[in-house]
Amino acid sequence: NGVVTAEFVGCGMPKKNKLKSTVDW
C-alpha cells in the first residue's frame, strides 16, 4: 500500500541459474 515497481526487480541471479524440474513434483 505504497510505491510500486513497474516491473520485476531481480537480485542479480544469472538466467542460467534458473532451473526447472523434469516433471511437476
PDBML (XML) file of the C-alpha atoms, coordinates in Angstrom:
<?xml version="1.0" encoding="UTF-8" ?>
<PDBx:datablock datablockName="MODEL"
   xmlns:PDBx="http://pdbml.pdb.org/schema/pdbx-v50.xsd"
   xmlns:xsi="http://www.w3.org/2001/XMLSchema-instance"
   xsi:schemaLocation="http://pdbml.pdb.org/schema/pdbx-v50.xsd pdbx-v50.xsd">
   <PDBx:atom_siteCategory>
      <PDBx:atom_site id="1">
         <PDBx:B_iso_or_equiv>0.00</PDBx:B_iso_or_equiv>
         <PDBx:Cartn_x>0.000</PDBx:Cartn_x>
         <PDBx:Cartn_y>0.000</PDBx:Cartn_y>
         <PDBx:Cartn_z>0.000</PDBx:Cartn_z>
         <PDBx:auth_asym_id>A</PDBx:auth_asym_id>
         <PDBx:auth_atom_id>CA</PDBx:auth_atom_id>
         <PDBx:auth_comp_id>ASN</PDBx:auth_comp_id>
         <PDBx:auth_seq_id>1</PDBx:auth_seq_id>
         <PDBx:group_PDB>ATOM</PDBx:group_PDB>
         <PDBx:label_alt_id xsi:nil="true" />
         <PDBx:label_asym_id>A</PDBx:label_asym_id>
         <PDBx:label_atom_id>CA</PDBx:label_atom_id>
         <PDBx:label_comp_id>ASN</PDBx:label_comp_id>
         <PDBx:label_entity_id>1</PDBx:label_entity_id>
         <PDBx:label_seq_id>1</PDBx:label_seq_id>
         <PDBx:occupancy>1.00</PDBx:occupancy>
         <PDBx:pdbx_PDB_model_num>1</PDBx:pdbx_PDB_model_num>
         <PDBx:type_symbol>C</PDBx:type_symbol>
      </PDBx:atom_site>
      <PDBx:atom_site id="2">
         <PDBx:B_iso_or_equiv>0.00</PDBx:B_iso_or_equiv>
         <PDBx:Cartn_x>2.653</PDBx:Cartn_x>
         <PDBx:Cartn_y>2.475</PDBx:Cartn_y>
         <PDBx:Cartn_z>-1.143</PDBx:Cartn_z>
         <PDBx:auth_asym_id>A</PDBx:auth_asym_id>
         <PDBx:auth_atom_id>CA</PDBx:auth_atom_id>
         <PDBx:auth_comp_id>GLY</PDBx:auth_comp_id>
         <PDBx:auth_seq_id>2</PDBx:auth_seq_id>
         <PDBx:group_PDB>ATOM</PDBx:group_PDB>
         <PDBx:label_alt_id xsi:nil="true" />
         <PDBx:label_asym_id>A</PDBx:label_asym_id>
         <PDBx:label_atom_id>CA</PDBx:label_atom_id>
         <PDBx:label_comp_id>GLY</PDBx:label_comp_id>
         <PDBx:label_entity_id>1</PDBx:label_entity_id>
         <PDBx:label_seq_id>2</PDBx:label_seq_id>
         <PDBx:occupancy>1.00</PDBx:occupancy>
         <PDBx:pdbx_PDB_model_num>1</PDBx:pdbx_PDB_model_num>
         <PDBx:type_symbol>C</PDBx:type_symbol>
      </PDBx:atom_site>
      <PDBx:atom_site id="3">
         <PDBx:B_iso_or_equiv>0.00</PDBx:B_iso_or_equiv>
         <PDBx:Cartn_x>5.041</PDBx:Cartn_x>
         <PDBx:Cartn_y>2.808</PDBx:Cartn_y>
         <PDBx:Cartn_z>-4.072</PDBx:Cartn_z>
         <PDBx:auth_asym_id>A</PDBx:auth_asym_id>
         <PDBx:auth_atom_id>CA</PDBx:auth_atom_id>
         <PDBx:auth_comp_id>VAL</PDBx:auth_comp_id>
         <PDBx:auth_seq_id>3</PDBx:auth_seq_id>
         <PDBx:group_PDB>ATOM</PDBx:group_PDB>
         <PDBx:label_alt_id xsi:nil="true" />
         <PDBx:label_asym_id>A</PDBx:label_asym_id>
         <PDBx:label_atom_id>CA</PDBx:label_atom_id>
         <PDBx:label_comp_id>VAL</PDBx:label_comp_id>
         <PDBx:label_entity_id>1</PDBx:label_entity_id>
         <PDBx:label_seq_id>3</PDBx:label_seq_id>
         <PDBx:occupancy>1.00</PDBx:occupancy>
         <PDBx:pdbx_PDB_model_num>1</PDBx:pdbx_PDB_model_num>
         <PDBx:type_symbol>C</PDBx:type_symbol>
      </PDBx:atom_site>
      <PDBx:atom_site id="4">
         <PDBx:B_iso_or_equiv>0.00</PDBx:B_iso_or_equiv>
         <PDBx:Cartn_x>5.045</PDBx:Cartn_x>
         <PDBx:Cartn_y>0.021</PDBx:Cartn_y>
         <PDBx:Cartn_z>-6.637</PDBx:Cartn_z>
         <PDBx:auth_asym_id>A</PDBx:auth_asym_id>
         <PDBx:auth_atom_id>CA</PDBx:auth_atom_id>
         <PDBx:auth_comp_id>VAL</PDBx:auth_comp_id>
         <PDBx:auth_seq_id>4</PDBx:auth_seq_id>
         <PDBx:group_PDB>ATOM</PDBx:group_PDB>
         <PDBx:label_alt_id xsi:nil="true" />
         <PDBx:label_asym_id>A</PDBx:label_asym_id>
         <PDBx:label_atom_id>CA</PDBx:label_atom_id>
         <PDBx:label_comp_id>VAL</PDBx:label_comp_id>
         <PDBx:label_entity_id>1</PDBx:label_entity_id>
         <PDBx:label_seq_id>4</PDBx:label_seq_id>
         <PDBx:occupancy>1.00</PDBx:occupancy>
         <PDBx:pdbx_PDB_model_num>1</PDBx:pdbx_PDB_model_num>
         <PDBx:type_symbol>C</PDBx:type_symbol>
      </PDBx:atom_site>
      <PDBx:atom_site id="5">
         <PDBx:B_iso_or_equiv>0.00</PDBx:B_iso_or_equiv>
         <PDBx:Cartn_x>7.586</PDBx:Cartn_x>
         <PDBx:Cartn_y>-1.299</PDBx:Cartn_y>
         <PDBx:Cartn_z>-9.105</PDBx:Cartn_z>
         <PDBx:auth_asym_id>A</PDBx:auth_asym_id>
         <PDBx:auth_atom_id>CA</PDBx:auth_atom_id>
         <PDBx:auth_comp_id>THR</PDBx:auth_comp_id>
         <PDBx:auth_seq_id>5</PDBx:auth_seq_id>
         <PDBx:group_PDB>ATOM</PDBx:group_PDB>
         <PDBx:label_alt_id xsi:nil="true" />
         <PDBx:label_asym_id>A</PDBx:label_asym_id>
         <PDBx:label_atom_id>CA</PDBx:label_atom_id>
         <PDBx:label_comp_id>THR</PDBx:label_comp_id>
         <PDBx:label_entity_id>1</PDBx:label_entity_id>
         <PDBx:label_seq_id>5</PDBx:label_seq_id>
         <PDBx:occupancy>1.00</PDBx:occupancy>
         <PDBx:pdbx_PDB_model_num>1</PDBx:pdbx_PDB_model_num>
         <PDBx:type_symbol>C</PDBx:type_symbol>
      </PDBx:atom_site>
      <PDBx:atom_site id="6">
         <PDBx:B_iso_or_equiv>0.00</PDBx:B_iso_or_equiv>
         <PDBx:Cartn_x>6.555</PDBx:Cartn_x>
         <PDBx:Cartn_y>-1.113</PDBx:Cartn_y>
         <PDBx:Cartn_z>-12.724</PDBx:Cartn_z>
         <PDBx:auth_asym_id>A</PDBx:auth_asym_id>
         <PDBx:auth_atom_id>CA</PDBx:auth_atom_id>
         <PDBx:auth_comp_id>ALA</PDBx:auth_comp_id>
         <PDBx:auth_seq_id>6</PDBx:auth_seq_id>
         <PDBx:group_PDB>ATOM</PDBx:group_PDB>
         <PDBx:label_alt_id xsi:nil="true" />
         <PDBx:label_asym_id>A</PDBx:label_asym_id>
         <PDBx:label_atom_id>CA</PDBx:label_atom_id>
         <PDBx:label_comp_id>ALA</PDBx:label_comp_id>
         <PDBx:label_entity_id>1</PDBx:label_entity_id>
         <PDBx:label_seq_id>6</PDBx:label_seq_id>
         <PDBx:occupancy>1.00</PDBx:occupancy>
         <PDBx:pdbx_PDB_model_num>1</PDBx:pdbx_PDB_model_num>
         <PDBx:type_symbol>C</PDBx:type_symbol>
      </PDBx:atom_site>
      <PDBx:atom_site id="7">
         <PDBx:B_iso_or_equiv>0.00</PDBx:B_iso_or_equiv>
         <PDBx:Cartn_x>8.196</PDBx:Cartn_x>
         <PDBx:Cartn_y>-4.487</PDBx:Cartn_y>
         <PDBx:Cartn_z>-13.318</PDBx:Cartn_z>
         <PDBx:auth_asym_id>A</PDBx:auth_asym_id>
         <PDBx:auth_atom_id>CA</PDBx:auth_atom_id>
         <PDBx:auth_comp_id>GLU</PDBx:auth_comp_id>
         <PDBx:auth_seq_id>7</PDBx:auth_seq_id>
         <PDBx:group_PDB>ATOM</PDBx:group_PDB>
         <PDBx:label_alt_id xsi:nil="true" />
         <PDBx:label_asym_id>A</PDBx:label_asym_id>
         <PDBx:label_atom_id>CA</PDBx:label_atom_id>
         <PDBx:label_comp_id>GLU</PDBx:label_comp_id>
         <PDBx:label_entity_id>1</PDBx:label_entity_id>
         <PDBx:label_seq_id>7</PDBx:label_seq_id>
         <PDBx:occupancy>1.00</PDBx:occupancy>
         <PDBx:pdbx_PDB_model_num>1</PDBx:pdbx_PDB_model_num>
         <PDBx:type_symbol>C</PDBx:type_symbol>
      </PDBx:atom_site>
      <PDBx:atom_site id="8">
         <PDBx:B_iso_or_equiv>0.00</PDBx:B_iso_or_equiv>
         <PDBx:Cartn_x>10.002</PDBx:Cartn_x>
         <PDBx:Cartn_y>-7.355</PDBx:Cartn_y>
         <PDBx:Cartn_z>-11.623</PDBx:Cartn_z>
         <PDBx:auth_asym_id>A</PDBx:auth_asym_id>
         <PDBx:auth_atom_id>CA</PDBx:auth_atom_id>
         <PDBx:auth_comp_id>PHE</PDBx:auth_comp_id>
         <PDBx:auth_seq_id>8</PDBx:auth_seq_id>
         <PDBx:group_PDB>ATOM</PDBx:group_PDB>
         <PDBx:label_alt_id xsi:nil="true" />
         <PDBx:label_asym_id>A</PDBx:label_asym_id>
         <PDBx:label_atom_id>CA</PDBx:label_atom_id>
         <PDBx:label_comp_id>PHE</PDBx:label_comp_id>
         <PDBx:label_entity_id>1</PDBx:label_entity_id>
         <PDBx:label_seq_id>8</PDBx:label_seq_id>
         <PDBx:occupancy>1.00</PDBx:occupancy>
         <PDBx:pdbx_PDB_model_num>1</PDBx:pdbx_PDB_model_num>
         <PDBx:type_symbol>C</PDBx:type_symbol>
      </PDBx:atom_site>
      <PDBx:atom_site id="9">
         <PDBx:B_iso_or_equiv>0.00</PDBx:B_iso_or_equiv>
         <PDBx:Cartn_x>13.216</PDBx:Cartn_x>
         <PDBx:Cartn_y>-6.300</PDBx:Cartn_y>
         <PDBx:Cartn_z>-9.834</PDBx:Cartn_z>
         <PDBx:auth_asym_id>A</PDBx:auth_asym_id>
         <PDBx:auth_atom_id>CA</PDBx:auth_atom_id>
         <PDBx:auth_comp_id>VAL</PDBx:auth_comp_id>
         <PDBx:auth_seq_id>9</PDBx:auth_seq_id>
         <PDBx:group_PDB>ATOM</PDBx:group_PDB>
         <PDBx:label_alt_id xsi:nil="true" />
         <PDBx:label_asym_id>A</PDBx:label_asym_id>
         <PDBx:label_atom_id>CA</PDBx:label_atom_id>
         <PDBx:label_comp_id>VAL</PDBx:label_comp_id>
         <PDBx:label_entity_id>1</PDBx:label_entity_id>
         <PDBx:label_seq_id>9</PDBx:label_seq_id>
         <PDBx:occupancy>1.00</PDBx:occupancy>
         <PDBx:pdbx_PDB_model_num>1</PDBx:pdbx_PDB_model_num>
         <PDBx:type_symbol>C</PDBx:type_symbol>
      </PDBx:atom_site>
      <PDBx:atom_site id="10">
         <PDBx:B_iso_or_equiv>0.00</PDBx:B_iso_or_equiv>
         <PDBx:Cartn_x>15.835</PDBx:Cartn_x>
         <PDBx:Cartn_y>-9.073</PDBx:Cartn_y>
         <PDBx:Cartn_z>-9.935</PDBx:Cartn_z>
         <PDBx:auth_asym_id>A</PDBx:auth_asym_id>
         <PDBx:auth_atom_id>CA</PDBx:auth_atom_id>
         <PDBx:auth_comp_id>GLY</PDBx:auth_comp_id>
         <PDBx:auth_seq_id>10</PDBx:auth_seq_id>
         <PDBx:group_PDB>ATOM</PDBx:group_PDB>
         <PDBx:label_alt_id xsi:nil="true" />
         <PDBx:label_asym_id>A</PDBx:label_asym_id>
         <PDBx:label_atom_id>CA</PDBx:label_atom_id>
         <PDBx:label_comp_id>GLY</PDBx:label_comp_id>
         <PDBx:label_entity_id>1</PDBx:label_entity_id>
         <PDBx:label_seq_id>10</PDBx:label_seq_id>
         <PDBx:occupancy>1.00</PDBx:occupancy>
         <PDBx:pdbx_PDB_model_num>1</PDBx:pdbx_PDB_model_num>
         <PDBx:type_symbol>C</PDBx:type_symbol>
      </PDBx:atom_site>
      <PDBx:atom_site id="11">
         <PDBx:B_iso_or_equiv>0.00</PDBx:B_iso_or_equiv>
         <PDBx:Cartn_x>18.520</PDBx:Cartn_x>
         <PDBx:Cartn_y>-9.786</PDBx:Cartn_y>
         <PDBx:Cartn_z>-7.333</PDBx:Cartn_z>
         <PDBx:auth_asym_id>A</PDBx:auth_asym_id>
         <PDBx:auth_atom_id>CA</PDBx:auth_atom_id>
         <PDBx:auth_comp_id>CYS</PDBx:auth_comp_id>
         <PDBx:auth_seq_id>11</PDBx:auth_seq_id>
         <PDBx:group_PDB>ATOM</PDBx:group_PDB>
         <PDBx:label_alt_id xsi:nil="true" />
         <PDBx:label_asym_id>A</PDBx:label_asym_id>
         <PDBx:label_atom_id>CA</PDBx:label_atom_id>
         <PDBx:label_comp_id>CYS</PDBx:label_comp_id>
         <PDBx:label_entity_id>1</PDBx:label_entity_id>
         <PDBx:label_seq_id>11</PDBx:label_seq_id>
         <PDBx:occupancy>1.00</PDBx:occupancy>
         <PDBx:pdbx_PDB_model_num>1</PDBx:pdbx_PDB_model_num>
         <PDBx:type_symbol>C</PDBx:type_symbol>
      </PDBx:atom_site>
      <PDBx:atom_site id="12">
         <PDBx:B_iso_or_equiv>0.00</PDBx:B_iso_or_equiv>
         <PDBx:Cartn_x>21.247</PDBx:Cartn_x>
         <PDBx:Cartn_y>-10.258</PDBx:Cartn_y>
         <PDBx:Cartn_z>-9.952</PDBx:Cartn_z>
         <PDBx:auth_asym_id>A</PDBx:auth_asym_id>
         <PDBx:auth_atom_id>CA</PDBx:auth_atom_id>
         <PDBx:auth_comp_id>GLY</PDBx:auth_comp_id>
         <PDBx:auth_seq_id>12</PDBx:auth_seq_id>
         <PDBx:group_PDB>ATOM</PDBx:group_PDB>
         <PDBx:label_alt_id xsi:nil="true" />
         <PDBx:label_asym_id>A</PDBx:label_asym_id>
         <PDBx:label_atom_id>CA</PDBx:label_atom_id>
         <PDBx:label_comp_id>GLY</PDBx:label_comp_id>
         <PDBx:label_entity_id>1</PDBx:label_entity_id>
         <PDBx:label_seq_id>12</PDBx:label_seq_id>
         <PDBx:occupancy>1.00</PDBx:occupancy>
         <PDBx:pdbx_PDB_model_num>1</PDBx:pdbx_PDB_model_num>
         <PDBx:type_symbol>C</PDBx:type_symbol>
      </PDBx:atom_site>
      <PDBx:atom_site id="13">
         <PDBx:B_iso_or_equiv>0.00</PDBx:B_iso_or_equiv>
         <PDBx:Cartn_x>20.994</PDBx:Cartn_x>
         <PDBx:Cartn_y>-14.047</PDBx:Cartn_y>
         <PDBx:Cartn_z>-10.295</PDBx:Cartn_z>
         <PDBx:auth_asym_id>A</PDBx:auth_asym_id>
         <PDBx:auth_atom_id>CA</PDBx:auth_atom_id>
         <PDBx:auth_comp_id>MET</PDBx:auth_comp_id>
         <PDBx:auth_seq_id>13</PDBx:auth_seq_id>
         <PDBx:group_PDB>ATOM</PDBx:group_PDB>
         <PDBx:label_alt_id xsi:nil="true" />
         <PDBx:label_asym_id>A</PDBx:label_asym_id>
         <PDBx:label_atom_id>CA</PDBx:label_atom_id>
         <PDBx:label_comp_id>MET</PDBx:label_comp_id>
         <PDBx:label_entity_id>1</PDBx:label_entity_id>
         <PDBx:label_seq_id>13</PDBx:label_seq_id>
         <PDBx:occupancy>1.00</PDBx:occupancy>
         <PDBx:pdbx_PDB_model_num>1</PDBx:pdbx_PDB_model_num>
         <PDBx:type_symbol>C</PDBx:type_symbol>
      </PDBx:atom_site>
      <PDBx:atom_site id="14">
         <PDBx:B_iso_or_equiv>0.00</PDBx:B_iso_or_equiv>
         <PDBx:Cartn_x>22.102</PDBx:Cartn_x>
         <PDBx:Cartn_y>-15.108</PDBx:Cartn_y>
         <PDBx:Cartn_z>-13.811</PDBx:Cartn_z>
         <PDBx:auth_asym_id>A</PDBx:auth_asym_id>
         <PDBx:auth_atom_id>CA</PDBx:auth_atom_id>
         <PDBx:auth_comp_id>PRO</PDBx:auth_comp_id>
         <PDBx:auth_seq_id>14</PDBx:auth_seq_id>
         <PDBx:group_PDB>ATOM</PDBx:group_PDB>
         <PDBx:label_alt_id xsi:nil="true" />
         <PDBx:label_asym_id>A</PDBx:label_asym_id>
         <PDBx:label_atom_id>CA</PDBx:label_atom_id>
         <PDBx:label_comp_id>PRO</PDBx:label_comp_id>
         <PDBx:label_entity_id>1</PDBx:label_entity_id>
         <PDBx:label_seq_id>14</PDBx:label_seq_id>
         <PDBx:occupancy>1.00</PDBx:occupancy>
         <PDBx:pdbx_PDB_model_num>1</PDBx:pdbx_PDB_model_num>
         <PDBx:type_symbol>C</PDBx:type_symbol>
      </PDBx:atom_site>
      <PDBx:atom_site id="15">
         <PDBx:B_iso_or_equiv>0.00</PDBx:B_iso_or_equiv>
         <PDBx:Cartn_x>19.486</PDBx:Cartn_x>
         <PDBx:Cartn_y>-16.511</PDBx:Cartn_y>
         <PDBx:Cartn_z>-16.164</PDBx:Cartn_z>
         <PDBx:auth_asym_id>A</PDBx:auth_asym_id>
         <PDBx:auth_atom_id>CA</PDBx:auth_atom_id>
         <PDBx:auth_comp_id>LYS</PDBx:auth_comp_id>
         <PDBx:auth_seq_id>15</PDBx:auth_seq_id>
         <PDBx:group_PDB>ATOM</PDBx:group_PDB>
         <PDBx:label_alt_id xsi:nil="true" />
         <PDBx:label_asym_id>A</PDBx:label_asym_id>
         <PDBx:label_atom_id>CA</PDBx:label_atom_id>
         <PDBx:label_comp_id>LYS</PDBx:label_comp_id>
         <PDBx:label_entity_id>1</PDBx:label_entity_id>
         <PDBx:label_seq_id>15</PDBx:label_seq_id>
         <PDBx:occupancy>1.00</PDBx:occupancy>
         <PDBx:pdbx_PDB_model_num>1</PDBx:pdbx_PDB_model_num>
         <PDBx:type_symbol>C</PDBx:type_symbol>
      </PDBx:atom_site>
      <PDBx:atom_site id="16">
         <PDBx:B_iso_or_equiv>0.00</PDBx:B_iso_or_equiv>
         <PDBx:Cartn_x>21.402</PDBx:Cartn_x>
         <PDBx:Cartn_y>-19.775</PDBx:Cartn_y>
         <PDBx:Cartn_z>-16.450</PDBx:Cartn_z>
         <PDBx:auth_asym_id>A</PDBx:auth_asym_id>
         <PDBx:auth_atom_id>CA</PDBx:auth_atom_id>
         <PDBx:auth_comp_id>LYS</PDBx:auth_comp_id>
         <PDBx:auth_seq_id>16</PDBx:auth_seq_id>
         <PDBx:group_PDB>ATOM</PDBx:group_PDB>
         <PDBx:label_alt_id xsi:nil="true" />
         <PDBx:label_asym_id>A</PDBx:label_asym_id>
         <PDBx:label_atom_id>CA</PDBx:label_atom_id>
         <PDBx:label_comp_id>LYS</PDBx:label_comp_id>
         <PDBx:label_entity_id>1</PDBx:label_entity_id>
         <PDBx:label_seq_id>16</PDBx:label_seq_id>
         <PDBx:occupancy>1.00</PDBx:occupancy>
         <PDBx:pdbx_PDB_model_num>1</PDBx:pdbx_PDB_model_num>
         <PDBx:type_symbol>C</PDBx:type_symbol>
      </PDBx:atom_site>
      <PDBx:atom_site id="17">
         <PDBx:B_iso_or_equiv>0.00</PDBx:B_iso_or_equiv>
         <PDBx:Cartn_x>20.794</PDBx:Cartn_x>
         <PDBx:Cartn_y>-20.320</PDBx:Cartn_y>
         <PDBx:Cartn_z>-12.718</PDBx:Cartn_z>
         <PDBx:auth_asym_id>A</PDBx:auth_asym_id>
         <PDBx:auth_atom_id>CA</PDBx:auth_atom_id>
         <PDBx:auth_comp_id>ASN</PDBx:auth_comp_id>
         <PDBx:auth_seq_id>17</PDBx:auth_seq_id>
         <PDBx:group_PDB>ATOM</PDBx:group_PDB>
         <PDBx:label_alt_id xsi:nil="true" />
         <PDBx:label_asym_id>A</PDBx:label_asym_id>
         <PDBx:label_atom_id>CA</PDBx:label_atom_id>
         <PDBx:label_comp_id>ASN</PDBx:label_comp_id>
         <PDBx:label_entity_id>1</PDBx:label_entity_id>
         <PDBx:label_seq_id>17</PDBx:label_seq_id>
         <PDBx:occupancy>1.00</PDBx:occupancy>
         <PDBx:pdbx_PDB_model_num>1</PDBx:pdbx_PDB_model_num>
         <PDBx:type_symbol>C</PDBx:type_symbol>
      </PDBx:atom_site>
      <PDBx:atom_site id="18">
         <PDBx:B_iso_or_equiv>0.00</PDBx:B_iso_or_equiv>
         <PDBx:Cartn_x>17.052</PDBx:Cartn_x>
         <PDBx:Cartn_y>-20.508</PDBx:Cartn_y>
         <PDBx:Cartn_z>-13.358</PDBx:Cartn_z>
         <PDBx:auth_asym_id>A</PDBx:auth_asym_id>
         <PDBx:auth_atom_id>CA</PDBx:auth_atom_id>
         <PDBx:auth_comp_id>LYS</PDBx:auth_comp_id>
         <PDBx:auth_seq_id>18</PDBx:auth_seq_id>
         <PDBx:group_PDB>ATOM</PDBx:group_PDB>
         <PDBx:label_alt_id xsi:nil="true" />
         <PDBx:label_asym_id>A</PDBx:label_asym_id>
         <PDBx:label_atom_id>CA</PDBx:label_atom_id>
         <PDBx:label_comp_id>LYS</PDBx:label_comp_id>
         <PDBx:label_entity_id>1</PDBx:label_entity_id>
         <PDBx:label_seq_id>18</PDBx:label_seq_id>
         <PDBx:occupancy>1.00</PDBx:occupancy>
         <PDBx:pdbx_PDB_model_num>1</PDBx:pdbx_PDB_model_num>
         <PDBx:type_symbol>C</PDBx:type_symbol>
      </PDBx:atom_site>
      <PDBx:atom_site id="19">
         <PDBx:B_iso_or_equiv>0.00</PDBx:B_iso_or_equiv>
         <PDBx:Cartn_x>16.333</PDBx:Cartn_x>
         <PDBx:Cartn_y>-24.237</PDBx:Cartn_y>
         <PDBx:Cartn_z>-13.425</PDBx:Cartn_z>
         <PDBx:auth_asym_id>A</PDBx:auth_asym_id>
         <PDBx:auth_atom_id>CA</PDBx:auth_atom_id>
         <PDBx:auth_comp_id>LEU</PDBx:auth_comp_id>
         <PDBx:auth_seq_id>19</PDBx:auth_seq_id>
         <PDBx:group_PDB>ATOM</PDBx:group_PDB>
         <PDBx:label_alt_id xsi:nil="true" />
         <PDBx:label_asym_id>A</PDBx:label_asym_id>
         <PDBx:label_atom_id>CA</PDBx:label_atom_id>
         <PDBx:label_comp_id>LEU</PDBx:label_comp_id>
         <PDBx:label_entity_id>1</PDBx:label_entity_id>
         <PDBx:label_seq_id>19</PDBx:label_seq_id>
         <PDBx:occupancy>1.00</PDBx:occupancy>
         <PDBx:pdbx_PDB_model_num>1</PDBx:pdbx_PDB_model_num>
         <PDBx:type_symbol>C</PDBx:type_symbol>
      </PDBx:atom_site>
      <PDBx:atom_site id="20">
         <PDBx:B_iso_or_equiv>0.00</PDBx:B_iso_or_equiv>
         <PDBx:Cartn_x>13.247</PDBx:Cartn_x>
         <PDBx:Cartn_y>-26.409</PDBx:Cartn_y>
         <PDBx:Cartn_z>-13.836</PDBx:Cartn_z>
         <PDBx:auth_asym_id>A</PDBx:auth_asym_id>
         <PDBx:auth_atom_id>CA</PDBx:auth_atom_id>
         <PDBx:auth_comp_id>LYS</PDBx:auth_comp_id>
         <PDBx:auth_seq_id>20</PDBx:auth_seq_id>
         <PDBx:group_PDB>ATOM</PDBx:group_PDB>
         <PDBx:label_alt_id xsi:nil="true" />
         <PDBx:label_asym_id>A</PDBx:label_asym_id>
         <PDBx:label_atom_id>CA</PDBx:label_atom_id>
         <PDBx:label_comp_id>LYS</PDBx:label_comp_id>
         <PDBx:label_entity_id>1</PDBx:label_entity_id>
         <PDBx:label_seq_id>20</PDBx:label_seq_id>
         <PDBx:occupancy>1.00</PDBx:occupancy>
         <PDBx:pdbx_PDB_model_num>1</PDBx:pdbx_PDB_model_num>
         <PDBx:type_symbol>C</PDBx:type_symbol>
      </PDBx:atom_site>
      <PDBx:atom_site id="21">
         <PDBx:B_iso_or_equiv>0.00</PDBx:B_iso_or_equiv>
         <PDBx:Cartn_x>12.337</PDBx:Cartn_x>
         <PDBx:Cartn_y>-29.945</PDBx:Cartn_y>
         <PDBx:Cartn_z>-12.849</PDBx:Cartn_z>
         <PDBx:auth_asym_id>A</PDBx:auth_asym_id>
         <PDBx:auth_atom_id>CA</PDBx:auth_atom_id>
         <PDBx:auth_comp_id>SER</PDBx:auth_comp_id>
         <PDBx:auth_seq_id>21</PDBx:auth_seq_id>
         <PDBx:group_PDB>ATOM</PDBx:group_PDB>
         <PDBx:label_alt_id xsi:nil="true" />
         <PDBx:label_asym_id>A</PDBx:label_asym_id>
         <PDBx:label_atom_id>CA</PDBx:label_atom_id>
         <PDBx:label_comp_id>SER</PDBx:label_comp_id>
         <PDBx:label_entity_id>1</PDBx:label_entity_id>
         <PDBx:label_seq_id>21</PDBx:label_seq_id>
         <PDBx:occupancy>1.00</PDBx:occupancy>
         <PDBx:pdbx_PDB_model_num>1</PDBx:pdbx_PDB_model_num>
         <PDBx:type_symbol>C</PDBx:type_symbol>
      </PDBx:atom_site>
      <PDBx:atom_site id="22">
         <PDBx:B_iso_or_equiv>0.00</PDBx:B_iso_or_equiv>
         <PDBx:Cartn_x>11.793</PDBx:Cartn_x>
         <PDBx:Cartn_y>-32.659</PDBx:Cartn_y>
         <PDBx:Cartn_z>-15.423</PDBx:Cartn_z>
         <PDBx:auth_asym_id>A</PDBx:auth_asym_id>
         <PDBx:auth_atom_id>CA</PDBx:auth_atom_id>
         <PDBx:auth_comp_id>THR</PDBx:auth_comp_id>
         <PDBx:auth_seq_id>22</PDBx:auth_seq_id>
         <PDBx:group_PDB>ATOM</PDBx:group_PDB>
         <PDBx:label_alt_id xsi:nil="true" />
         <PDBx:label_asym_id>A</PDBx:label_asym_id>
         <PDBx:label_atom_id>CA</PDBx:label_atom_id>
         <PDBx:label_comp_id>THR</PDBx:label_comp_id>
         <PDBx:label_entity_id>1</PDBx:label_entity_id>
         <PDBx:label_seq_id>22</PDBx:label_seq_id>
         <PDBx:occupancy>1.00</PDBx:occupancy>
         <PDBx:pdbx_PDB_model_num>1</PDBx:pdbx_PDB_model_num>
         <PDBx:type_symbol>C</PDBx:type_symbol>
      </PDBx:atom_site>
      <PDBx:atom_site id="23">
         <PDBx:B_iso_or_equiv>0.00</PDBx:B_iso_or_equiv>
         <PDBx:Cartn_x>8.255</PDBx:Cartn_x>
         <PDBx:Cartn_y>-33.315</PDBx:Cartn_y>
         <PDBx:Cartn_z>-14.168</PDBx:Cartn_z>
         <PDBx:auth_asym_id>A</PDBx:auth_asym_id>
         <PDBx:auth_atom_id>CA</PDBx:auth_atom_id>
         <PDBx:auth_comp_id>VAL</PDBx:auth_comp_id>
         <PDBx:auth_seq_id>23</PDBx:auth_seq_id>
         <PDBx:group_PDB>ATOM</PDBx:group_PDB>
         <PDBx:label_alt_id xsi:nil="true" />
         <PDBx:label_asym_id>A</PDBx:label_asym_id>
         <PDBx:label_atom_id>CA</PDBx:label_atom_id>
         <PDBx:label_comp_id>VAL</PDBx:label_comp_id>
         <PDBx:label_entity_id>1</PDBx:label_entity_id>
         <PDBx:label_seq_id>23</PDBx:label_seq_id>
         <PDBx:occupancy>1.00</PDBx:occupancy>
         <PDBx:pdbx_PDB_model_num>1</PDBx:pdbx_PDB_model_num>
         <PDBx:type_symbol>C</PDBx:type_symbol>
      </PDBx:atom_site>
      <PDBx:atom_site id="24">
         <PDBx:B_iso_or_equiv>0.00</PDBx:B_iso_or_equiv>
         <PDBx:Cartn_x>5.857</PDBx:Cartn_x>
         <PDBx:Cartn_y>-31.455</PDBx:Cartn_y>
         <PDBx:Cartn_z>-11.864</PDBx:Cartn_z>
         <PDBx:auth_asym_id>A</PDBx:auth_asym_id>
         <PDBx:auth_atom_id>CA</PDBx:auth_atom_id>
         <PDBx:auth_comp_id>ASP</PDBx:auth_comp_id>
         <PDBx:auth_seq_id>24</PDBx:auth_seq_id>
         <PDBx:group_PDB>ATOM</PDBx:group_PDB>
         <PDBx:label_alt_id xsi:nil="true" />
         <PDBx:label_asym_id>A</PDBx:label_asym_id>
         <PDBx:label_atom_id>CA</PDBx:label_atom_id>
         <PDBx:label_comp_id>ASP</PDBx:label_comp_id>
         <PDBx:label_entity_id>1</PDBx:label_entity_id>
         <PDBx:label_seq_id>24</PDBx:label_seq_id>
         <PDBx:occupancy>1.00</PDBx:occupancy>
         <PDBx:pdbx_PDB_model_num>1</PDBx:pdbx_PDB_model_num>
         <PDBx:type_symbol>C</PDBx:type_symbol>
      </PDBx:atom_site>
      <PDBx:atom_site id="25">
         <PDBx:B_iso_or_equiv>0.00</PDBx:B_iso_or_equiv>
         <PDBx:Cartn_x>6.658</PDBx:Cartn_x>
         <PDBx:Cartn_y>-32.589</PDBx:Cartn_y>
         <PDBx:Cartn_z>-8.314</PDBx:Cartn_z>
         <PDBx:auth_asym_id>A</PDBx:auth_asym_id>
         <PDBx:auth_atom_id>CA</PDBx:auth_atom_id>
         <PDBx:auth_comp_id>TRP</PDBx:auth_comp_id>
         <PDBx:auth_seq_id>25</PDBx:auth_seq_id>
         <PDBx:group_PDB>ATOM</PDBx:group_PDB>
         <PDBx:label_alt_id xsi:nil="true" />
         <PDBx:label_asym_id>A</PDBx:label_asym_id>
         <PDBx:label_atom_id>CA</PDBx:label_atom_id>
         <PDBx:label_comp_id>TRP</PDBx:label_comp_id>
         <PDBx:label_entity_id>1</PDBx:label_entity_id>
         <PDBx:label_seq_id>25</PDBx:label_seq_id>
         <PDBx:occupancy>1.00</PDBx:occupancy>
         <PDBx:pdbx_PDB_model_num>1</PDBx:pdbx_PDB_model_num>
         <PDBx:type_symbol>C</PDBx:type_symbol>
      </PDBx:atom_site>
   </PDBx:atom_siteCategory>
</PDBx:datablock>
